[in-house]
Amino acid sequence: MSWIGPTAKKSAKLAVKYGPQAKIAWEKVGKPASEVAAKKAQSQLQRRKAFAKAATVTDGAVLRQIHQGEPVWVVLSHGEPVDCFPPVDIDLPELITNADLSAAVSSKEFEEKRVKARVERARQRRTKR
């Protein structure tokens, strides 16, 4: 274990030498990048919640709308809005007044596409070996 002492000493020197530059780089690049990643993860979570809800209603589908610059996933049942993820401060019919309802994705289509993608990824992993 004679390598621990010299390694720790070298690490301390590098931290003192490059620490301020690393901090500046983190504030300029790292913080905004982590905020964007967290926002994207939250949007994906809301989308999954919407499709889970759509699977529980009759003839469920999900429509993506933009409200105040943020994506909102509206759950439809027989073409009528039932719920939205994340919750918004306006009425659901008002949210989809000018929406193209043919763009809504049914929960069955979504699940079929998801399973197909998983099978394809497994096939690609298998051929790499």
N, C-alpha and C. Protein backbone atom coordinates (compact mmCIF):
# COMPACT_ATOMS: atom_id res chain seq x y z
N MET A 1 0.81 -1.19 0.00
CA MET A 1 0.00 0.00 0.00
C MET A 1 0.86 1.26 0.00
N SER A 2 2.01 1.17 -0.57
CA SER A 2 2.90 2.31 -0.58
C SER A 2 2.51 3.35 -1.62
N TRP A 3 1.57 3.05 -2.47
CA TRP A 3 1.16 3.99 -3.51
C TRP A 3 0.14 5.02 -3.00
N ILE A 4 -0.49 4.78 -1.86
CA ILE A 4 -1.54 5.65 -1.36
C ILE A 4 -1.01 7.03 -0.99
N GLY A 5 0.10 7.08 -0.30
CA GLY A 5 0.67 8.37 0.13
C GLY A 5 1.03 9.27 -1.04
N PRO A 6 1.83 8.79 -2.00
CA PRO A 6 2.18 9.64 -3.14
C PRO A 6 0.97 10.05 -3.99
N THR A 7 0.02 9.13 -4.13
CA THR A 7 -1.17 9.44 -4.92
C THR A 7 -2.00 10.53 -4.25
N ALA A 8 -2.16 10.43 -2.95
CA ALA A 8 -2.92 11.44 -2.22
C ALA A 8 -2.23 12.80 -2.31
N LYS A 9 -0.93 12.81 -2.21
CA LYS A 9 -0.17 14.06 -2.28
C LYS A 9 -0.31 14.69 -3.67
N LYS A 10 -0.22 13.87 -4.72
CA LYS A 10 -0.35 14.38 -6.08
C LYS A 10 -1.78 14.90 -6.32
N SER A 11 -2.77 14.18 -5.81
CA SER A 11 -4.17 14.61 -5.95
C SER A 11 -4.40 15.95 -5.27
N ALA A 12 -3.83 16.14 -4.11
CA ALA A 12 -3.98 17.40 -3.38
C ALA A 12 -3.35 18.54 -4.17
N LYS A 13 -2.19 18.30 -4.75
CA LYS A 13 -1.53 19.34 -5.55
C LYS A 13 -2.38 19.73 -6.76
N LEU A 14 -2.94 18.72 -7.44
CA LEU A 14 -3.78 18.99 -8.61
C LEU A 14 -5.06 19.74 -8.21
N ALA A 15 -5.64 19.38 -7.06
CA ALA A 15 -6.85 20.06 -6.60
C ALA A 15 -6.57 21.52 -6.31
N VAL A 16 -5.43 21.81 -5.70
CA VAL A 16 -5.08 23.19 -5.41
C VAL A 16 -4.80 23.95 -6.70
N LYS A 17 -4.13 23.31 -7.63
CA LYS A 17 -3.74 23.97 -8.87
C LYS A 17 -4.93 24.21 -9.80
N TYR A 18 -5.79 23.17 -9.99
CA TYR A 18 -6.87 23.27 -10.98
C TYR A 18 -8.25 23.41 -10.36
N GLY A 19 -8.36 23.47 -9.06
CA GLY A 19 -9.66 23.57 -8.40
C GLY A 19 -10.47 24.79 -8.83
N PRO A 20 -9.87 25.98 -8.83
CA PRO A 20 -10.64 27.16 -9.23
C PRO A 20 -11.16 27.09 -10.68
N GLN A 21 -10.34 26.56 -11.58
CA GLN A 21 -10.79 26.41 -12.97
C GLN A 21 -11.92 25.40 -13.06
N ALA A 22 -11.82 24.32 -12.30
CA ALA A 22 -12.88 23.31 -12.31
C ALA A 22 -14.19 23.88 -11.77
N LYS A 23 -14.09 24.73 -10.75
CA LYS A 23 -15.29 25.34 -10.18
C LYS A 23 -15.95 26.27 -11.19
N ILE A 24 -15.15 27.05 -11.88
CA ILE A 24 -15.68 27.97 -12.90
C ILE A 24 -16.33 27.18 -14.03
N ALA A 25 -15.66 26.12 -14.47
CA ALA A 25 -16.21 25.30 -15.55
C ALA A 25 -17.53 24.66 -15.12
N TRP A 26 -17.61 24.20 -13.88
CA TRP A 26 -18.86 23.60 -13.39
C TRP A 26 -19.99 24.62 -13.39
N GLU A 27 -19.70 25.85 -12.94
CA GLU A 27 -20.74 26.87 -12.89
C GLU A 27 -21.19 27.31 -14.28
N LYS A 28 -20.25 27.33 -15.25
CA LYS A 28 -20.60 27.76 -16.60
C LYS A 28 -21.29 26.65 -17.40
N VAL A 29 -20.84 25.41 -17.23
CA VAL A 29 -21.33 24.31 -18.07
C VAL A 29 -22.10 23.26 -17.28
N GLY A 30 -21.59 22.87 -16.15
CA GLY A 30 -22.15 21.75 -15.40
C GLY A 30 -23.53 22.02 -14.83
N LYS A 31 -23.72 23.15 -14.20
CA LYS A 31 -25.02 23.46 -13.60
C LYS A 31 -26.13 23.55 -14.65
N PRO A 32 -25.93 24.31 -15.74
CA PRO A 32 -26.99 24.35 -16.75
C PRO A 32 -27.27 22.97 -17.37
N ALA A 33 -26.21 22.20 -17.58
CA ALA A 33 -26.41 20.87 -18.16
C ALA A 33 -27.18 19.97 -17.21
N SER A 34 -26.90 20.04 -15.93
CA SER A 34 -27.62 19.19 -14.97
C SER A 34 -29.06 19.64 -14.83
N GLU A 35 -29.32 20.95 -14.94
CA GLU A 35 -30.70 21.45 -14.89
C GLU A 35 -31.50 20.97 -16.09
N VAL A 36 -30.88 20.99 -17.28
CA VAL A 36 -31.55 20.51 -18.49
C VAL A 36 -31.84 19.02 -18.37
N ALA A 37 -30.87 18.26 -17.86
CA ALA A 37 -31.06 16.82 -17.70
C ALA A 37 -32.18 16.52 -16.71
N ALA A 38 -32.25 17.26 -15.63
CA ALA A 38 -33.32 17.06 -14.64
C ALA A 38 -34.69 17.41 -15.23
N LYS A 39 -34.73 18.46 -16.03
CA LYS A 39 -35.98 18.86 -16.68
C LYS A 39 -36.45 17.79 -17.66
N LYS A 40 -35.52 17.23 -18.41
CA LYS A 40 -35.84 16.17 -19.38
C LYS A 40 -36.33 14.92 -18.65
N ALA A 41 -35.69 14.57 -17.56
CA ALA A 41 -36.10 13.40 -16.78
C ALA A 41 -37.49 13.60 -16.20
N GLN A 42 -37.79 14.80 -15.74
CA GLN A 42 -39.12 15.09 -15.20
C GLN A 42 -40.18 15.00 -16.29
N SER A 43 -39.87 15.47 -17.49
CA SER A 43 -40.80 15.39 -18.60
C SER A 43 -41.08 13.93 -18.97
N GLN A 44 -40.04 13.11 -18.98
CA GLN A 44 -40.23 11.68 -19.28
C GLN A 44 -41.06 10.99 -18.21
N LEU A 45 -40.87 11.37 -16.97
CA LEU A 45 -41.67 10.80 -15.88
C LEU A 45 -43.15 11.14 -16.06
N GLN A 46 -43.43 12.41 -16.40
CA GLN A 46 -44.81 12.82 -16.61
C GLN A 46 -45.43 12.08 -17.80
N ARG A 47 -44.64 11.85 -18.84
CA ARG A 47 -45.12 11.11 -20.01
C ARG A 47 -45.48 9.68 -19.64
N ARG A 48 -44.61 9.03 -18.86
CA ARG A 48 -44.89 7.66 -18.42
C ARG A 48 -46.16 7.60 -17.58
N LYS A 49 -46.33 8.59 -16.70
CA LYS A 49 -47.55 8.65 -15.88
C LYS A 49 -48.79 8.78 -16.76
N ALA A 50 -48.70 9.62 -17.79
CA ALA A 50 -49.84 9.82 -18.68
C ALA A 50 -50.19 8.54 -19.42
N PHE A 51 -49.20 7.81 -19.91
CA PHE A 51 -49.50 6.56 -20.62
C PHE A 51 -50.01 5.49 -19.66
N ALA A 52 -49.55 5.50 -18.42
CA ALA A 52 -50.07 4.56 -17.43
C ALA A 52 -51.54 4.86 -17.16
N LYS A 53 -51.89 6.12 -17.07
CA LYS A 53 -53.29 6.51 -16.85
C LYS A 53 -54.13 6.17 -18.08
N ALA A 54 -53.59 6.38 -19.28
CA ALA A 54 -54.31 6.09 -20.51
C ALA A 54 -54.61 4.60 -20.65
N ALA A 55 -53.76 3.77 -20.09
CA ALA A 55 -53.99 2.32 -20.14
C ALA A 55 -55.15 1.91 -19.25
N THR A 56 -55.53 2.75 -18.30
CA THR A 56 -56.60 2.39 -17.37
C THR A 56 -57.96 2.90 -17.80
N VAL A 57 -58.02 3.81 -18.77
CA VAL A 57 -59.31 4.35 -19.21
C VAL A 57 -59.75 3.68 -20.51
N THR A 58 -61.01 3.77 -20.82
CA THR A 58 -61.55 3.18 -22.04
C THR A 58 -61.10 3.99 -23.25
N ASP A 59 -60.57 3.30 -24.24
CA ASP A 59 -60.09 3.94 -25.47
C ASP A 59 -59.11 5.07 -25.14
N GLY A 60 -58.13 4.77 -24.29
CA GLY A 60 -57.19 5.78 -23.82
C GLY A 60 -56.14 6.16 -24.84
N ALA A 61 -55.83 7.44 -24.88
CA ALA A 61 -54.79 7.97 -25.75
C ALA A 61 -54.14 9.16 -25.05
N VAL A 62 -52.96 9.52 -25.52
CA VAL A 62 -52.21 10.63 -24.93
C VAL A 62 -51.84 11.62 -26.03
N LEU A 63 -52.06 12.88 -25.74
CA LEU A 63 -51.77 13.96 -26.67
C LEU A 63 -50.79 14.92 -26.02
N ARG A 64 -49.74 15.26 -26.74
CA ARG A 64 -48.74 16.19 -26.22
C ARG A 64 -49.14 17.61 -26.61
N GLN A 65 -49.22 18.48 -25.62
CA GLN A 65 -49.52 19.88 -25.82
C GLN A 65 -48.45 20.72 -25.15
N ILE A 66 -48.32 21.95 -25.59
CA ILE A 66 -47.37 22.88 -24.97
C ILE A 66 -48.18 23.93 -24.22
N HIS A 67 -47.85 24.11 -22.95
CA HIS A 67 -48.52 25.12 -22.13
C HIS A 67 -47.44 25.92 -21.41
N GLN A 68 -47.37 27.20 -21.68
CA GLN A 68 -46.37 28.10 -21.11
C GLN A 68 -44.96 27.60 -21.35
N GLY A 69 -44.72 27.09 -22.55
CA GLY A 69 -43.38 26.65 -22.94
C GLY A 69 -42.98 25.28 -22.41
N GLU A 70 -43.84 24.61 -21.72
CA GLU A 70 -43.54 23.29 -21.15
C GLU A 70 -44.46 22.24 -21.76
N PRO A 71 -43.96 21.02 -21.99
CA PRO A 71 -44.83 19.96 -22.52
C PRO A 71 -45.82 19.48 -21.45
N VAL A 72 -47.07 19.29 -21.89
CA VAL A 72 -48.12 18.77 -21.03
C VAL A 72 -48.71 17.58 -21.76
N TRP A 73 -48.82 16.45 -21.07
CA TRP A 73 -49.35 15.22 -21.66
C TRP A 73 -50.81 15.09 -21.23
N VAL A 74 -51.73 15.20 -22.18
CA VAL A 74 -53.16 15.16 -21.91
C VAL A 74 -53.67 13.75 -22.20
N VAL A 75 -54.34 13.16 -21.22
CA VAL A 75 -54.93 11.83 -21.37
C VAL A 75 -56.34 12.00 -21.90
N LEU A 76 -56.64 11.28 -22.99
CA LEU A 76 -57.95 11.36 -23.61
C LEU A 76 -58.67 10.01 -23.49
N SER A 77 -59.97 10.08 -23.32
CA SER A 77 -60.82 8.89 -23.35
C SER A 77 -61.95 9.18 -24.32
N HIS A 78 -62.00 8.43 -25.41
CA HIS A 78 -62.98 8.67 -26.48
C HIS A 78 -62.87 10.09 -27.03
N GLY A 79 -61.66 10.63 -27.08
CA GLY A 79 -61.43 11.96 -27.62
C GLY A 79 -61.71 13.11 -26.66
N GLU A 80 -62.12 12.80 -25.45
CA GLU A 80 -62.39 13.82 -24.44
C GLU A 80 -61.27 13.83 -23.40
N PRO A 81 -60.81 15.01 -22.98
CA PRO A 81 -59.73 15.06 -21.99
C PRO A 81 -60.19 14.57 -20.62
N VAL A 82 -59.35 13.74 -20.01
CA VAL A 82 -59.64 13.17 -18.70
C VAL A 82 -58.72 13.74 -17.64
N ASP A 83 -57.42 13.79 -17.96
CA ASP A 83 -56.41 14.22 -17.00
C ASP A 83 -55.22 14.76 -17.76
N CYS A 84 -54.31 15.43 -17.07
CA CYS A 84 -53.09 15.88 -17.71
C CYS A 84 -51.93 15.76 -16.73
N PHE A 85 -50.76 15.57 -17.29
CA PHE A 85 -49.54 15.43 -16.51
C PHE A 85 -48.49 16.32 -17.11
N PRO A 86 -47.87 17.23 -16.38
CA PRO A 86 -48.17 17.66 -15.03
C PRO A 86 -49.45 18.48 -15.00
N PRO A 87 -50.05 18.62 -13.82
CA PRO A 87 -51.29 19.40 -13.72
C PRO A 87 -51.05 20.86 -14.13
N VAL A 88 -52.05 21.44 -14.79
CA VAL A 88 -51.95 22.83 -15.23
C VAL A 88 -53.07 23.65 -14.59
N ASP A 89 -52.94 24.96 -14.69
CA ASP A 89 -53.89 25.85 -14.03
C ASP A 89 -55.09 26.25 -14.90
N ILE A 90 -55.23 25.65 -16.10
CA ILE A 90 -56.38 25.96 -16.94
C ILE A 90 -57.21 24.70 -17.14
N ASP A 91 -58.43 24.89 -17.65
CA ASP A 91 -59.31 23.75 -17.89
C ASP A 91 -58.76 22.90 -19.04
N LEU A 92 -59.01 21.59 -18.97
CA LEU A 92 -58.51 20.68 -20.00
C LEU A 92 -59.12 20.94 -21.37
N PRO A 93 -60.44 21.17 -21.48
CA PRO A 93 -60.97 21.46 -22.82
C PRO A 93 -60.33 22.70 -23.45
N GLU A 94 -60.02 23.68 -22.63
CA GLU A 94 -59.36 24.90 -23.12
C GLU A 94 -57.94 24.59 -23.60
N LEU A 95 -57.29 23.64 -22.94
CA LEU A 95 -55.91 23.27 -23.29
C LEU A 95 -55.84 22.62 -24.67
N ILE A 96 -56.89 21.89 -25.05
CA ILE A 96 -56.84 21.18 -26.33
C ILE A 96 -57.78 21.77 -27.37
N THR A 97 -58.16 23.02 -27.23
CA THR A 97 -59.12 23.63 -28.17
C THR A 97 -58.64 23.57 -29.61
N ASN A 98 -57.42 23.91 -29.89
CA ASN A 98 -56.91 23.93 -31.27
C ASN A 98 -55.99 22.75 -31.56
N ALA A 99 -56.08 21.70 -30.77
CA ALA A 99 -55.18 20.56 -30.93
C ALA A 99 -55.66 19.64 -32.04
N ASP A 100 -54.71 18.97 -32.67
CA ASP A 100 -55.01 17.96 -33.68
C ASP A 100 -55.15 16.62 -32.96
N LEU A 101 -56.38 16.19 -32.75
CA LEU A 101 -56.62 14.96 -31.98
C LEU A 101 -56.15 13.71 -32.71
N SER A 102 -55.91 13.81 -34.01
CA SER A 102 -55.40 12.65 -34.73
C SER A 102 -53.94 12.36 -34.37
N ALA A 103 -53.27 13.31 -33.74
CA ALA A 103 -51.88 13.12 -33.33
C ALA A 103 -51.77 12.37 -32.00
N ALA A 104 -52.90 12.11 -31.36
CA ALA A 104 -52.88 11.39 -30.08
C ALA A 104 -52.42 9.95 -30.30
N VAL A 105 -51.63 9.45 -29.38
CA VAL A 105 -51.10 8.09 -29.45
C VAL A 105 -51.87 7.24 -28.44
N SER A 106 -52.44 6.13 -28.93
CA SER A 106 -53.18 5.27 -28.02
C SER A 106 -52.22 4.51 -27.14
N SER A 107 -52.71 4.08 -26.00
CA SER A 107 -51.84 3.36 -25.06
C SER A 107 -51.41 2.02 -25.65
N LYS A 108 -52.24 1.41 -26.48
CA LYS A 108 -51.87 0.13 -27.12
C LYS A 108 -50.74 0.34 -28.12
N GLU A 109 -50.84 1.39 -28.94
CA GLU A 109 -49.78 1.70 -29.90
C GLU A 109 -48.46 1.97 -29.18
N PHE A 110 -48.55 2.72 -28.10
CA PHE A 110 -47.36 3.06 -27.33
C PHE A 110 -46.69 1.80 -26.78
N GLU A 111 -47.49 0.91 -26.22
CA GLU A 111 -46.94 -0.32 -25.63
C GLU A 111 -46.34 -1.22 -26.71
N GLU A 112 -47.00 -1.33 -27.86
CA GLU A 112 -46.46 -2.14 -28.96
C GLU A 112 -45.13 -1.58 -29.43
N LYS A 113 -45.04 -0.27 -29.57
CA LYS A 113 -43.81 0.37 -30.01
C LYS A 113 -42.69 0.16 -28.99
N ARG A 114 -43.04 0.25 -27.71
CA ARG A 114 -42.06 0.06 -26.64
C ARG A 114 -41.51 -1.36 -26.62
N VAL A 115 -42.40 -2.34 -26.77
CA VAL A 115 -41.97 -3.74 -26.78
C VAL A 115 -41.12 -4.03 -28.01
N LYS A 116 -41.52 -3.50 -29.14
CA LYS A 116 -40.77 -3.70 -30.38
C LYS A 116 -39.35 -3.14 -30.25
N ALA A 117 -39.23 -1.97 -29.64
CA ALA A 117 -37.90 -1.35 -29.44
C ALA A 117 -37.05 -2.20 -28.50
N ARG A 118 -37.66 -2.75 -27.45
CA ARG A 118 -36.90 -3.59 -26.51
C ARG A 118 -36.39 -4.84 -27.20
N VAL A 119 -37.23 -5.45 -28.04
CA VAL A 119 -36.82 -6.65 -28.78
C VAL A 119 -35.67 -6.32 -29.73
N GLU A 120 -35.77 -5.19 -30.40
CA GLU A 120 -34.71 -4.78 -31.33
C GLU A 120 -33.39 -4.53 -30.60
N ARG A 121 -33.45 -3.87 -29.43
CA ARG A 121 -32.22 -3.64 -28.65
C ARG A 121 -31.61 -4.96 -28.20
N ALA A 122 -32.45 -5.91 -27.79
CA ALA A 122 -31.93 -7.21 -27.37
C ALA A 122 -31.30 -7.95 -28.55
N ARG A 123 -31.90 -7.83 -29.71
CA ARG A 123 -31.34 -8.46 -30.91
C ARG A 123 -29.99 -7.85 -31.25
N GLN A 124 -29.87 -6.53 -31.15
CA GLN A 124 -28.60 -5.86 -31.45
C GLN A 124 -27.52 -6.25 -30.46
N ARG A 125 -27.88 -6.36 -29.17
CA ARG A 125 -26.88 -6.78 -28.17
C ARG A 125 -26.41 -8.20 -28.45
N ARG A 126 -27.31 -9.03 -28.90
CA ARG A 126 -26.98 -10.43 -29.16
C ARG A 126 -26.03 -10.54 -30.35
N THR A 127 -26.24 -9.72 -31.40
CA THR A 127 -25.39 -9.79 -32.58
C THR A 127 -24.00 -9.19 -32.33
N LYS A 128 -23.87 -8.33 -31.35
CA LYS A 128 -22.56 -7.75 -31.01
C LYS A 128 -21.63 -8.79 -30.43
N ARG A 129 -22.18 -9.75 -29.75
CA ARG A 129 -21.33 -10.76 -29.10
C ARG A 129 -20.71 -11.67 -30.06
